[in-house]
Amino acid sequence: MKSILANTAPEDIFNADHTAIFFRALPDRTLEFKQTECHGTKLNKERLTALVCANMTGTEKMPLLVLGQSKNPRCFKLVKSLPVTYRANKKAWMTGALFTEWVKKVDDLYTRKK
């Protein structure tokens, strides 16, 4: 691995990772007192998943891949274009098929640039 990385420019080394966004989750602590917990609420597990990718120097960032549960969310009803790629599956989780689709799209993007 060291020999491969030694012959590769930092601009050409990319890292991708996915993260969950629990956009309806309530806080489980307050700023009132240390160790004070919030009680009486059920945790909302509704989520989005975002795949983030950038090169080692941070000069090039791939468009986000956002995964949700709904194929056609109502909030996108009047939206003509999104600055992200949106896909849907039952649990809004990253799957091998979705990741493969994303990698092929990125590969197509770079083969057109050359």
PDB file of N, CA and C in Angstrom:
ATOM      1  N   MET A   1       0.818  -1.188   0.000  1.00  0.00           N
ATOM      2  CA  MET A   1       0.000   0.000   0.000  1.00  0.00           C
ATOM      3  C   MET A   1       0.868   1.261   0.000  1.00  0.00           C
ATOM      4  N   LYS A   2       1.969   1.237   0.774  1.00  0.00           N
ATOM      5  CA  LYS A   2       2.847   2.403   0.831  1.00  0.00           C
ATOM      6  C   LYS A   2       3.428   2.737  -0.531  1.00  0.00           C
ATOM      7  N   SER A   3       3.805   1.709  -1.300  1.00  0.00           N
ATOM      8  CA  SER A   3       4.395   1.967  -2.620  1.00  0.00           C
ATOM      9  C   SER A   3       3.358   2.548  -3.585  1.00  0.00           C
ATOM     10  N   ILE A   4       2.112   2.111  -3.468  1.00  0.00           N
ATOM     11  CA  ILE A   4       1.045   2.659  -4.322  1.00  0.00           C
ATOM     12  C   ILE A   4       0.795   4.118  -3.958  1.00  0.00           C
ATOM     13  N   LEU A   5       0.697   4.397  -2.658  1.00  0.00           N
ATOM     14  CA  LEU A   5       0.430   5.769  -2.214  1.00  0.00           C
ATOM     15  C   LEU A   5       1.612   6.690  -2.478  1.00  0.00           C
ATOM     16  N   ALA A   6       2.820   6.170  -2.461  1.00  0.00           N
ATOM     17  CA  ALA A   6       4.000   6.996  -2.709  1.00  0.00           C
ATOM     18  C   ALA A   6       4.021   7.518  -4.141  1.00  0.00           C
ATOM     19  N   ASN A   7       3.452   6.761  -5.073  1.00  0.00           N
ATOM     20  CA  ASN A   7       3.446   7.152  -6.483  1.00  0.00           C
ATOM     21  C   ASN A   7       2.153   7.849  -6.894  1.00  0.00           C
ATOM     22  N   THR A   8       1.303   8.196  -5.932  1.00  0.00           N
ATOM     23  CA  THR A   8       0.020   8.835  -6.225  1.00  0.00           C
ATOM     24  C   THR A   8      -0.028  10.209  -5.574  1.00  0.00           C
ATOM     25  N   ALA A   9      -0.473  11.175  -6.346  1.00  0.00           N
ATOM     26  CA  ALA A   9      -0.590  12.548  -5.827  1.00  0.00           C
ATOM     27  C   ALA A   9      -1.731  12.610  -4.812  1.00  0.00           C
ATOM     28  N   PRO A  10      -1.596  13.417  -3.753  1.00  0.00           N
ATOM     29  CA  PRO A  10      -2.673  13.538  -2.750  1.00  0.00           C
ATOM     30  C   PRO A  10      -4.008  13.985  -3.340  1.00  0.00           C
ATOM     31  N   GLU A  11      -3.980  14.744  -4.447  1.00  0.00           N
ATOM     32  CA  GLU A  11      -5.224  15.175  -5.092  1.00  0.00           C
ATOM     33  C   GLU A  11      -5.982  14.010  -5.712  1.00  0.00           C
ATOM     34  N   ASP A  12      -5.279  12.896  -5.948  1.00  0.00           N
ATOM     35  CA  ASP A  12      -5.895  11.733  -6.589  1.00  0.00           C
ATOM     36  C   ASP A  12      -6.317  10.653  -5.596  1.00  0.00           C
ATOM     37  N   ILE A  13      -6.147  10.901  -4.306  1.00  0.00           N
ATOM     38  CA  ILE A  13      -6.548   9.933  -3.278  1.00  0.00           C
ATOM     39  C   ILE A  13      -7.848  10.420  -2.649  1.00  0.00           C
ATOM     40  N   PHE A  14      -8.890   9.618  -2.755  1.00  0.00           N
ATOM     41  CA  PHE A  14     -10.210   9.991  -2.264  1.00  0.00           C
ATOM     42  C   PHE A  14     -10.620   9.098  -1.095  1.00  0.00           C
ATOM     43  N   ASN A  15     -11.467   9.638  -0.238  1.00  0.00           N
ATOM     44  CA  ASN A  15     -12.039   8.885   0.867  1.00  0.00           C
ATOM     45  C   ASN A  15     -13.544   9.129   0.878  1.00  0.00           C
ATOM     46  N   ALA A  16     -14.304   8.068   1.045  1.00  0.00           N
ATOM     47  CA  ALA A  16     -15.763   8.172   1.108  1.00  0.00           C
ATOM     48  C   ALA A  16     -16.254   7.486   2.378  1.00  0.00           C
ATOM     49  N   ASP A  17     -17.291   8.051   2.968  1.00  0.00           N
ATOM     50  CA  ASP A  17     -17.894   7.453   4.155  1.00  0.00           C
ATOM     51  C   ASP A  17     -19.351   7.878   4.215  1.00  0.00           C
ATOM     52  N   HIS A  18     -20.169   7.041   4.820  1.00  0.00           N
ATOM     53  CA  HIS A  18     -21.580   7.398   4.960  1.00  0.00           C
ATOM     54  C   HIS A  18     -21.904   7.663   6.425  1.00  0.00           C
ATOM     55  N   THR A  19     -22.913   8.497   6.631  1.00  0.00           N
ATOM     56  CA  THR A  19     -23.319   8.862   7.978  1.00  0.00           C
ATOM     57  C   THR A  19     -24.836   8.968   8.042  1.00  0.00           C
ATOM     58  N   ALA A  20     -25.381   8.659   9.200  1.00  0.00           N
ATOM     59  CA  ALA A  20     -26.827   8.760   9.404  1.00  0.00           C
ATOM     60  C   ALA A  20     -27.177  10.168   9.871  1.00  0.00           C
ATOM     61  N   ILE A  21     -28.289  10.674   9.376  1.00  0.00           N
ATOM     62  CA  ILE A  21     -28.799  11.977   9.793  1.00  0.00           C
ATOM     63  C   ILE A  21     -30.185  11.732  10.384  1.00  0.00           C
ATOM     64  N   PHE A  22     -30.292  11.808  11.701  1.00  0.00           N
ATOM     65  CA  PHE A  22     -31.571  11.639  12.383  1.00  0.00           C
ATOM     66  C   PHE A  22     -32.194  13.019  12.526  1.00  0.00           C
ATOM     67  N   PHE A  23     -32.899  13.453  11.477  1.00  0.00           N
ATOM     68  CA  PHE A  23     -33.346  14.842  11.388  1.00  0.00           C
ATOM     69  C   PHE A  23     -34.541  15.166  12.280  1.00  0.00           C
ATOM     70  N   ARG A  24     -35.189  14.184  12.855  1.00  0.00           N
ATOM     71  CA  ARG A  24     -36.314  14.443  13.758  1.00  0.00           C
ATOM     72  C   ARG A  24     -36.027  14.041  15.197  1.00  0.00           C
ATOM     73  N   ALA A  25     -34.789  13.724  15.488  1.00  0.00           N
ATOM     74  CA  ALA A  25     -34.434  13.281  16.831  1.00  0.00           C
ATOM     75  C   ALA A  25     -34.390  14.465  17.796  1.00  0.00           C
ATOM     76  N   LEU A  26     -34.927  14.262  18.978  1.00  0.00           N
ATOM     77  CA  LEU A  26     -34.872  15.273  20.027  1.00  0.00           C
ATOM     78  C   LEU A  26     -33.614  15.065  20.856  1.00  0.00           C
ATOM     79  N   PRO A  27     -33.114  16.106  21.507  1.00  0.00           N
ATOM     80  CA  PRO A  27     -31.905  15.934  22.329  1.00  0.00           C
ATOM     81  C   PRO A  27     -32.181  15.039  23.536  1.00  0.00           C
ATOM     82  N   ASP A  28     -31.149  14.348  23.986  1.00  0.00           N
ATOM     83  CA  ASP A  28     -31.294  13.498  25.176  1.00  0.00           C
ATOM     84  C   ASP A  28     -30.641  14.138  26.399  1.00  0.00           C
ATOM     85  N   ARG A  29     -30.094  15.348  26.253  1.00  0.00           N
ATOM     86  CA  ARG A  29     -29.507  16.098  27.373  1.00  0.00           C
ATOM     87  C   ARG A  29     -29.889  17.566  27.224  1.00  0.00           C
ATOM     88  N   THR A  30     -29.714  18.310  28.308  1.00  0.00           N
ATOM     89  CA  THR A  30     -29.961  19.746  28.257  1.00  0.00           C
ATOM     90  C   THR A  30     -28.704  20.486  28.696  1.00  0.00           C
ATOM     91  N   LEU A  31     -28.685  21.770  28.489  1.00  0.00           N
ATOM     92  CA  LEU A  31     -27.562  22.591  28.947  1.00  0.00           C
ATOM     93  C   LEU A  31     -27.815  23.138  30.350  1.00  0.00           C
ATOM     94  N   GLU A  32     -28.935  22.734  30.948  1.00  0.00           N
ATOM     95  CA  GLU A  32     -29.332  23.252  32.258  1.00  0.00           C
ATOM     96  C   GLU A  32     -28.316  22.905  33.343  1.00  0.00           C
ATOM     97  N   PHE A  33     -28.115  21.624  33.590  1.00  0.00           N
ATOM     98  CA  PHE A  33     -27.163  21.164  34.592  1.00  0.00           C
ATOM     99  C   PHE A  33     -26.408  19.966  34.040  1.00  0.00           C
ATOM    100  N   LYS A  34     -25.209  19.750  34.557  1.00  0.00           N
ATOM    101  CA  LYS A  34     -24.470  18.561  34.152  1.00  0.00           C
ATOM    102  C   LYS A  34     -25.243  17.317  34.580  1.00  0.00           C
ATOM    103  N   GLN A  35     -25.159  16.302  33.757  1.00  0.00           N
ATOM    104  CA  GLN A  35     -25.772  14.997  34.026  1.00  0.00           C
ATOM    105  C   GLN A  35     -27.300  15.040  34.026  1.00  0.00           C
ATOM    106  N   THR A  36     -27.944  16.151  33.646  1.00  0.00           N
ATOM    107  CA  THR A  36     -29.397  16.220  33.573  1.00  0.00           C
ATOM    108  C   THR A  36     -29.836  15.612  32.248  1.00  0.00           C
ATOM    109  N   GLU A  37     -30.743  14.663  32.305  1.00  0.00           N
ATOM    110  CA  GLU A  37     -31.239  14.018  31.090  1.00  0.00           C
ATOM    111  C   GLU A  37     -32.672  14.439  30.827  1.00  0.00           C
ATOM    112  N   CYS A  38     -33.055  14.430  29.555  1.00  0.00           N
ATOM    113  CA  CYS A  38     -34.437  14.729  29.176  1.00  0.00           C
ATOM    114  C   CYS A  38     -35.239  13.429  29.276  1.00  0.00           C
ATOM    115  N   HIS A  39     -36.408  13.492  29.873  1.00  0.00           N
ATOM    116  CA  HIS A  39     -37.250  12.298  30.015  1.00  0.00           C
ATOM    117  C   HIS A  39     -38.595  12.531  29.346  1.00  0.00           C
ATOM    118  N   GLY A  40     -39.264  11.460  29.040  1.00  0.00           N
ATOM    119  CA  GLY A  40     -40.631  11.534  28.563  1.00  0.00           C
ATOM    120  C   GLY A  40     -40.788  11.585  27.053  1.00  0.00           C
ATOM    121  N   THR A  41     -39.710  11.416  26.292  1.00  0.00           N
ATOM    122  CA  THR A  41     -39.844  11.421  24.840  1.00  0.00           C
ATOM    123  C   THR A  41     -39.348  10.100  24.276  1.00  0.00           C
ATOM    124  N   LYS A  42     -39.989   9.678  23.211  1.00  0.00           N
ATOM    125  CA  LYS A  42     -39.578   8.474  22.516  1.00  0.00           C
ATOM    126  C   LYS A  42     -38.611   8.887  21.409  1.00  0.00           C
ATOM    127  N   LEU A  43     -37.524   8.160  21.246  1.00  0.00           N
ATOM    128  CA  LEU A  43     -36.556   8.484  20.222  1.00  0.00           C
ATOM    129  C   LEU A  43     -37.137   8.226  18.837  1.00  0.00           C
ATOM    130  N   ASN A  44     -37.096   9.234  17.979  1.00  0.00           N
ATOM    131  CA  ASN A  44     -37.547   9.093  16.605  1.00  0.00           C
ATOM    132  C   ASN A  44     -36.370   8.595  15.781  1.00  0.00           C
ATOM    133  N   LYS A  45     -36.532   7.471  15.127  1.00  0.00           N
ATOM    134  CA  LYS A  45     -35.438   6.868  14.385  1.00  0.00           C
ATOM    135  C   LYS A  45     -35.549   7.108  12.884  1.00  0.00           C
ATOM    136  N   GLU A  46     -36.410   8.048  12.479  1.00  0.00           N
ATOM    137  CA  GLU A  46     -36.510   8.390  11.071  1.00  0.00           C
ATOM    138  C   GLU A  46     -35.184   9.018  10.642  1.00  0.00           C
ATOM    139  N   ARG A  47     -34.652   8.586   9.503  1.00  0.00           N
ATOM    140  CA  ARG A  47     -33.299   8.967   9.152  1.00  0.00           C
ATOM    141  C   ARG A  47     -33.126   9.208   7.667  1.00  0.00           C
ATOM    142  N   LEU A  48     -32.050   9.869   7.347  1.00  0.00           N
ATOM    143  CA  LEU A  48     -31.487   9.947   6.008  1.00  0.00           C
ATOM    144  C   LEU A  48     -30.060   9.423   6.143  1.00  0.00           C
ATOM    145  N   THR A  49     -29.514   8.927   5.059  1.00  0.00           N
ATOM    146  CA  THR A  49     -28.118   8.534   5.046  1.00  0.00           C
ATOM    147  C   THR A  49     -27.428   9.347   3.966  1.00  0.00           C
ATOM    148  N   ALA A  50     -26.271   9.886   4.274  1.00  0.00           N
ATOM    149  CA  ALA A  50     -25.517  10.680   3.307  1.00  0.00           C
ATOM    150  C   ALA A  50     -24.153  10.054   3.085  1.00  0.00           C
ATOM    151  N   LEU A  51     -23.770   9.930   1.822  1.00  0.00           N
ATOM    152  CA  LEU A  51     -22.439   9.470   1.461  1.00  0.00           C
ATOM    153  C   LEU A  51     -21.628  10.701   1.085  1.00  0.00           C
ATOM    154  N   VAL A  52     -20.534  10.913   1.807  1.00  0.00           N
ATOM    155  CA  VAL A  52     -19.674  12.071   1.619  1.00  0.00           C
ATOM    156  C   VAL A  52     -18.339  11.586   1.068  1.00  0.00           C
ATOM    157  N   CYS A  53     -17.791  12.298   0.068  1.00  0.00           N
ATOM    158  CA  CYS A  53     -16.529  11.887  -0.530  1.00  0.00           C
ATOM    159  C   CYS A  53     -15.737  13.125  -0.955  1.00  0.00           C
ATOM    160  N   ALA A  54     -14.443  13.123  -0.629  1.00  0.00           N
ATOM    161  CA  ALA A  54     -13.551  14.214  -1.031  1.00  0.00           C
ATOM    162  C   ALA A  54     -12.141  13.669  -1.197  1.00  0.00           C
ATOM    163  N   ASN A  55     -11.312  14.444  -1.900  1.00  0.00           N
ATOM    164  CA  ASN A  55      -9.935  14.010  -2.047  1.00  0.00           C
ATOM    165  C   ASN A  55      -9.117  14.386  -0.821  1.00  0.00           C
ATOM    166  N   MET A  56      -7.889  13.913  -0.759  1.00  0.00           N
ATOM    167  CA  MET A  56      -7.045  14.060   0.423  1.00  0.00           C
ATOM    168  C   MET A  56      -6.733  15.522   0.746  1.00  0.00           C
ATOM    169  N   THR A  57      -6.625  16.362  -0.275  1.00  0.00           N
ATOM    170  CA  THR A  57      -6.303  17.767  -0.047  1.00  0.00           C
ATOM    171  C   THR A  57      -7.546  18.614   0.203  1.00  0.00           C
ATOM    172  N   GLY A  58      -8.732  18.073  -0.063  1.00  0.00           N
ATOM    173  CA  GLY A  58      -9.974  18.814   0.140  1.00  0.00           C
ATOM    174  C   GLY A  58     -10.315  19.755  -0.996  1.00  0.00           C
ATOM    175  N   THR A  59      -9.574  19.678  -2.084  1.00  0.00           N
ATOM    176  CA  THR A  59      -9.834  20.573  -3.211  1.00  0.00           C
ATOM    177  C   THR A  59     -10.958  20.081  -4.112  1.00  0.00           C
ATOM    178  N   GLU A  60     -11.267  18.806  -4.041  1.00  0.00           N
ATOM    179  CA  GLU A  60     -12.338  18.258  -4.881  1.00  0.00           C
ATOM    180  C   GLU A  60     -13.304  17.447  -4.020  1.00  0.00           C
ATOM    181  N   LYS A  61     -14.564  17.807  -4.094  1.00  0.00           N
ATOM    182  CA  LYS A  61     -15.600  17.120  -3.319  1.00  0.00           C
ATOM    183  C   LYS A  61     -16.644  16.568  -4.277  1.00  0.00           C
ATOM    184  N   MET A  62     -16.980  15.298  -4.087  1.00  0.00           N
ATOM    185  CA  MET A  62     -18.008  14.668  -4.910  1.00  0.00           C
ATOM    186  C   MET A  62     -19.390  15.149  -4.470  1.00  0.00           C
ATOM    187  N   PRO A  63     -20.350  15.172  -5.388  1.00  0.00           N
ATOM    188  CA  PRO A  63     -21.718  15.501  -4.967  1.00  0.00           C
ATOM    189  C   PRO A  63     -22.219  14.465  -3.962  1.00  0.00           C
ATOM    190  N   LEU A  64     -22.985  14.921  -2.978  1.00  0.00           N
ATOM    191  CA  LEU A  64     -23.514  14.019  -1.954  1.00  0.00           C
ATOM    192  C   LEU A  64     -24.480  13.010  -2.556  1.00  0.00           C
ATOM    193  N   LEU A  65     -24.468  11.815  -1.999  1.00  0.00           N
ATOM    194  CA  LEU A  65     -25.492  10.817  -2.285  1.00  0.00           C
ATOM    195  C   LEU A  65     -26.341  10.745  -1.026  1.00  0.00           C
ATOM    196  N   VAL A  66     -27.622  11.084  -1.142  1.00  0.00           N
ATOM    197  CA  VAL A  66     -28.528  11.084   0.002  1.00  0.00           C
ATOM    198  C   VAL A  66     -29.538   9.962  -0.189  1.00  0.00           C
ATOM    199  N   LEU A  67     -29.714   9.150   0.851  1.00  0.00           N
ATOM    200  CA  LEU A  67     -30.647   8.025   0.813  1.00  0.00           C
ATOM    201  C   LEU A  67     -31.786   8.291   1.776  1.00  0.00           C
ATOM    202  N   GLY A  68     -32.998   8.141   1.287  1.00  0.00           N
ATOM    203  CA  GLY A  68     -34.183   8.298   2.113  1.00  0.00           C
ATOM    204  C   GLY A  68     -35.102   7.101   1.949  1.00  0.00           C
ATOM    205  N   GLN A  69     -36.245   7.146   2.613  1.00  0.00           N
ATOM    206  CA  GLN A  69     -37.182   6.025   2.538  1.00  0.00           C
ATOM    207  C   GLN A  69     -38.202   6.188   1.423  1.00  0.00           C
ATOM    208  N   SER A  70     -38.541   7.395   1.075  1.00  0.00           N
ATOM    209  CA  SER A  70     -39.586   7.642   0.092  1.00  0.00           C
ATOM    210  C   SER A  70     -38.986   7.863  -1.294  1.00  0.00           C
ATOM    211  N   LYS A  71     -39.562   7.194  -2.319  1.00  0.00           N
ATOM    212  CA  LYS A  71     -39.060   7.370  -3.677  1.00  0.00           C
ATOM    213  C   LYS A  71     -39.340   8.768  -4.205  1.00  0.00           C
ATOM    214  N   ASN A  72     -40.491   9.312  -3.885  1.00  0.00           N
ATOM    215  CA  ASN A  72     -40.870  10.649  -4.321  1.00  0.00           C
ATOM    216  C   ASN A  72     -41.358  11.457  -3.123  1.00  0.00           C
ATOM    217  N   PRO A  73     -40.449  12.002  -2.316  1.00  0.00           N
ATOM    218  CA  PRO A  73     -40.875  12.751  -1.133  1.00  0.00           C
ATOM    219  C   PRO A  73     -41.704  13.983  -1.517  1.00  0.00           C
ATOM    220  N   ARG A  74     -42.703  14.270  -0.701  1.00  0.00           N
ATOM    221  CA  ARG A  74     -43.545  15.439  -0.974  1.00  0.00           C
ATOM    222  C   ARG A  74     -42.757  16.737  -0.959  1.00  0.00           C
ATOM    223  N   CYS A  75     -41.713  16.800  -0.160  1.00  0.00           N
ATOM    224  CA  CYS A  75     -40.925  18.036  -0.082  1.00  0.00           C
ATOM    225  C   CYS A  75     -40.194  18.327  -1.393  1.00  0.00           C
ATOM    226  N   PHE A  76     -40.053  17.347  -2.287  1.00  0.00           N
ATOM    227  CA  PHE A  76     -39.404  17.553  -3.577  1.00  0.00           C
ATOM    228  C   PHE A  76     -40.405  17.859  -4.684  1.00  0.00           C
ATOM    229  N   LYS A  77     -41.674  18.009  -4.353  1.00  0.00           N
ATOM    230  CA  LYS A  77     -42.737  18.128  -5.346  1.00  0.00           C
ATOM    231  C   LYS A  77     -42.479  19.230  -6.376  1.00  0.00           C
ATOM    232  N   LEU A  78     -42.088  20.404  -5.934  1.00  0.00           N
ATOM    233  CA  LEU A  78     -41.883  21.529  -6.842  1.00  0.00           C
ATOM    234  C   LEU A  78     -40.411  21.776  -7.177  1.00  0.00           C
ATOM    235  N   VAL A  79     -39.536  20.880  -6.758  1.00  0.00           N
ATOM    236  CA  VAL A  79     -38.105  21.039  -6.992  1.00  0.00           C
ATOM    237  C   VAL A  79     -37.764  20.544  -8.392  1.00  0.00           C
ATOM    238  N   LYS A  80     -37.122  21.411  -9.164  1.00  0.00           N
ATOM    239  CA  LYS A  80     -36.738  21.046 -10.536  1.00  0.00           C
ATOM    240  C   LYS A  80     -35.447  20.226 -10.556  1.00  0.00           C
ATOM    241  N   SER A  81     -34.462  20.640  -9.763  1.00  0.00           N
ATOM    242  CA  SER A  81     -33.207  19.880  -9.698  1.00  0.00           C
ATOM    243  C   SER A  81     -32.636  19.977  -8.288  1.00  0.00           C
ATOM    244  N   LEU A  82     -31.957  18.920  -7.881  1.00  0.00           N
ATOM    245  CA  LEU A  82     -31.337  18.857  -6.555  1.00  0.00           C
ATOM    246  C   LEU A  82     -29.823  18.981  -6.685  1.00  0.00           C
ATOM    247  N   PRO A  83     -29.152  19.598  -5.716  1.00  0.00           N
ATOM    248  CA  PRO A  83     -27.690  19.659  -5.760  1.00  0.00           C
ATOM    249  C   PRO A  83     -27.044  18.357  -5.275  1.00  0.00           C
ATOM    250  N   VAL A  84     -27.858  17.339  -5.003  1.00  0.00           N
ATOM    251  CA  VAL A  84     -27.375  16.045  -4.542  1.00  0.00           C
ATOM    252  C   VAL A  84     -28.020  14.953  -5.383  1.00  0.00           C
ATOM    253  N   THR A  85     -27.470  13.755  -5.293  1.00  0.00           N
ATOM    254  CA  THR A  85     -28.116  12.590  -5.894  1.00  0.00           C
ATOM    255  C   THR A  85     -28.972  11.954  -4.815  1.00  0.00           C
ATOM    256  N   TYR A  86     -30.254  11.744  -5.094  1.00  0.00           N
ATOM    257  CA  TYR A  86     -31.170  11.182  -4.108  1.00  0.00           C
ATOM    258  C   TYR A  86     -31.626   9.803  -4.569  1.00  0.00           C
ATOM    259  N   ARG A  87     -31.548   8.834  -3.690  1.00  0.00           N
ATOM    260  CA  ARG A  87     -32.046   7.482  -3.928  1.00  0.00           C
ATOM    261  C   ARG A  87     -32.853   7.057  -2.709  1.00  0.00           C
ATOM    262  N   ALA A  88     -33.658   6.023  -2.883  1.00  0.00           N
ATOM    263  CA  ALA A  88     -34.514   5.568  -1.785  1.00  0.00           C
ATOM    264  C   ALA A  88     -34.458   4.055  -1.654  1.00  0.00           C
ATOM    265  N   ASN A  89     -34.580   3.599  -0.420  1.00  0.00           N
ATOM    266  CA  ASN A  89     -34.819   2.195  -0.131  1.00  0.00           C
ATOM    267  C   ASN A  89     -35.589   2.108   1.186  1.00  0.00           C
ATOM    268  N   LYS A  90     -36.029   0.935   1.550  1.00  0.00           N
ATOM    269  CA  LYS A  90     -36.948   0.756   2.668  1.00  0.00           C
ATOM    270  C   LYS A  90     -36.450   1.338   3.990  1.00  0.00           C
ATOM    271  N   LYS A  91     -35.160   1.173   4.288  1.00  0.00           N
ATOM    272  CA  LYS A  91     -34.631   1.623   5.580  1.00  0.00           C
ATOM    273  C   LYS A  91     -33.693   2.819   5.466  1.00  0.00           C
ATOM    274  N   ALA A  92     -33.535   3.375   4.270  1.00  0.00           N
ATOM    275  CA  ALA A  92     -32.621   4.506   4.030  1.00  0.00           C
ATOM    276  C   ALA A  92     -31.190   4.145   4.411  1.00  0.00           C
ATOM    277  N   TRP A  93     -30.799   2.909   4.132  1.00  0.00           N
ATOM    278  CA  TRP A  93     -29.455   2.441   4.432  1.00  0.00           C
ATOM    279  C   TRP A  93     -28.662   2.310   3.140  1.00  0.00           C
ATOM    280  N   MET A  94     -27.349   2.403   3.262  1.00  0.00           N
ATOM    281  CA  MET A  94     -26.466   2.179   2.121  1.00  0.00           C
ATOM    282  C   MET A  94     -26.430   0.682   1.829  1.00  0.00           C
ATOM    283  N   THR A  95     -26.599   0.333   0.573  1.00  0.00           N
ATOM    284  CA  THR A  95     -26.527  -1.071   0.152  1.00  0.00           C
ATOM    285  C   THR A  95     -25.395  -1.211  -0.855  1.00  0.00           C
ATOM    286  N   GLY A  96     -25.010  -2.430  -1.094  1.00  0.00           N
ATOM    287  CA  GLY A  96     -23.966  -2.681  -2.082  1.00  0.00           C
ATOM    288  C   GLY A  96     -24.351  -2.217  -3.467  1.00  0.00           C
ATOM    289  N   ALA A  97     -25.614  -2.423  -3.834  1.00  0.00           N
ATOM    290  CA  ALA A  97     -26.091  -2.007  -5.163  1.00  0.00           C
ATOM    291  C   ALA A  97     -26.067  -0.486  -5.312  1.00  0.00           C
ATOM    292  N   LEU A  98     -26.497   0.239  -4.278  1.00  0.00           N
ATOM    293  CA  LEU A  98     -26.484   1.703  -4.339  1.00  0.00           C
ATOM    294  C   LEU A  98     -25.051   2.235  -4.390  1.00  0.00           C
ATOM    295  N   PHE A  99     -24.149   1.629  -3.620  1.00  0.00           N
ATOM    296  CA  PHE A  99     -22.757   2.067  -3.629  1.00  0.00           C
ATOM    297  C   PHE A  99     -22.119   1.793  -4.986  1.00  0.00           C
ATOM    298  N   THR A 100     -22.401   0.630  -5.564  1.00  0.00           N
ATOM    299  CA  THR A 100     -21.873   0.287  -6.887  1.00  0.00           C
ATOM    300  C   THR A 100     -22.369   1.273  -7.932  1.00  0.00           C
ATOM    301  N   GLU A 101     -23.653   1.619  -7.869  1.00  0.00           N
ATOM    302  CA  GLU A 101     -24.222   2.602  -8.802  1.00  0.00           C
ATOM    303  C   GLU A 101     -23.496   3.944  -8.669  1.00  0.00           C
ATOM    304  N   TRP A 102     -23.237   4.375  -7.432  1.00  0.00           N
ATOM    305  CA  TRP A 102     -22.557   5.638  -7.191  1.00  0.00           C
ATOM    306  C   TRP A 102     -21.120   5.607  -7.728  1.00  0.00           C
ATOM    307  N   VAL A 103     -20.399   4.503  -7.481  1.00  0.00           N
ATOM    308  CA  VAL A 103     -19.018   4.373  -7.959  1.00  0.00           C
ATOM    309  C   VAL A 103     -18.978   4.419  -9.484  1.00  0.00           C
ATOM    310  N   LYS A 104     -19.916   3.762 -10.143  1.00  0.00           N
ATOM    311  CA  LYS A 104     -19.966   3.787 -11.614  1.00  0.00           C
ATOM    312  C   LYS A 104     -20.225   5.203 -12.122  1.00  0.00           C
ATOM    313  N   LYS A 105     -21.093   5.938 -11.440  1.00  0.00           N
ATOM    314  CA  LYS A 105     -21.377   7.319 -11.837  1.00  0.00           C
ATOM    315  C   LYS A 105     -20.140   8.200 -11.678  1.00  0.00           C
ATOM    316  N   VAL A 106     -19.397   8.025 -10.588  1.00  0.00           N
ATOM    317  CA  VAL A 106     -18.159   8.784 -10.367  1.00  0.00           C
ATOM    318  C   VAL A 106     -17.122   8.390 -11.412  1.00  0.00           C
ATOM    319  N   ASP A 107     -17.025   7.109 -11.725  1.00  0.00           N
ATOM    320  CA  ASP A 107     -16.083   6.634 -12.737  1.00  0.00           C
ATOM    321  C   ASP A 107     -16.414   7.241 -14.100  1.00  0.00           C
ATOM    322  N   ASP A 108     -17.690   7.280 -14.447  1.00  0.00           N
ATOM    323  CA  ASP A 108     -18.110   7.897 -15.714  1.00  0.00           C
ATOM    324  C   ASP A 108     -17.742   9.374 -15.746  1.00  0.00           C
ATOM    325  N   LEU A 109     -17.905  10.052 -14.629  1.00  0.00           N
ATOM    326  CA  LEU A 109     -17.568  11.466 -14.531  1.00  0.00           C
ATOM    327  C   LEU A 109     -16.084  11.692 -14.821  1.00  0.00           C
ATOM    328  N   TYR A 110     -15.212  10.842 -14.266  1.00  0.00           N
ATOM    329  CA  TYR A 110     -13.774  11.010 -14.470  1.00  0.00           C
ATOM    330  C   TYR A 110     -13.306  10.534 -15.825  1.00  0.00           C
ATOM    331  N   THR A 111     -13.943   9.552 -16.408  1.00  0.00           N
ATOM    332  CA  THR A 111     -13.530   9.121 -17.732  1.00  0.00           C
ATOM    333  C   THR A 111     -13.916  10.159 -18.785  1.00  0.00           C
ATOM    334  N   ARG A 112     -15.004  10.914 -18.557  1.00  0.00           N
ATOM    335  CA  ARG A 112     -15.378  11.999 -19.473  1.00  0.00           C
ATOM    336  C   ARG A 112     -14.434  13.193 -19.361  1.00  0.00           C
ATOM    337  N   LYS A 113     -13.857  13.423 -18.161  1.00  0.00           N
ATOM    338  CA  LYS A 113     -12.951  14.550 -17.950  1.00  0.00           C
ATOM    339  C   LYS A 113     -11.624  14.380 -18.712  1.00  0.00           C
ATOM    340  N   LYS A 114     -11.196  13.154 -18.878  1.00  0.00           N
ATOM    341  CA  LYS A 114      -9.876  12.901 -19.497  1.00  0.00           C
ATOM    342  C   LYS A 114      -9.907  13.037 -20.988  1.00  0.00           C
TER     343      LYS A 114
END
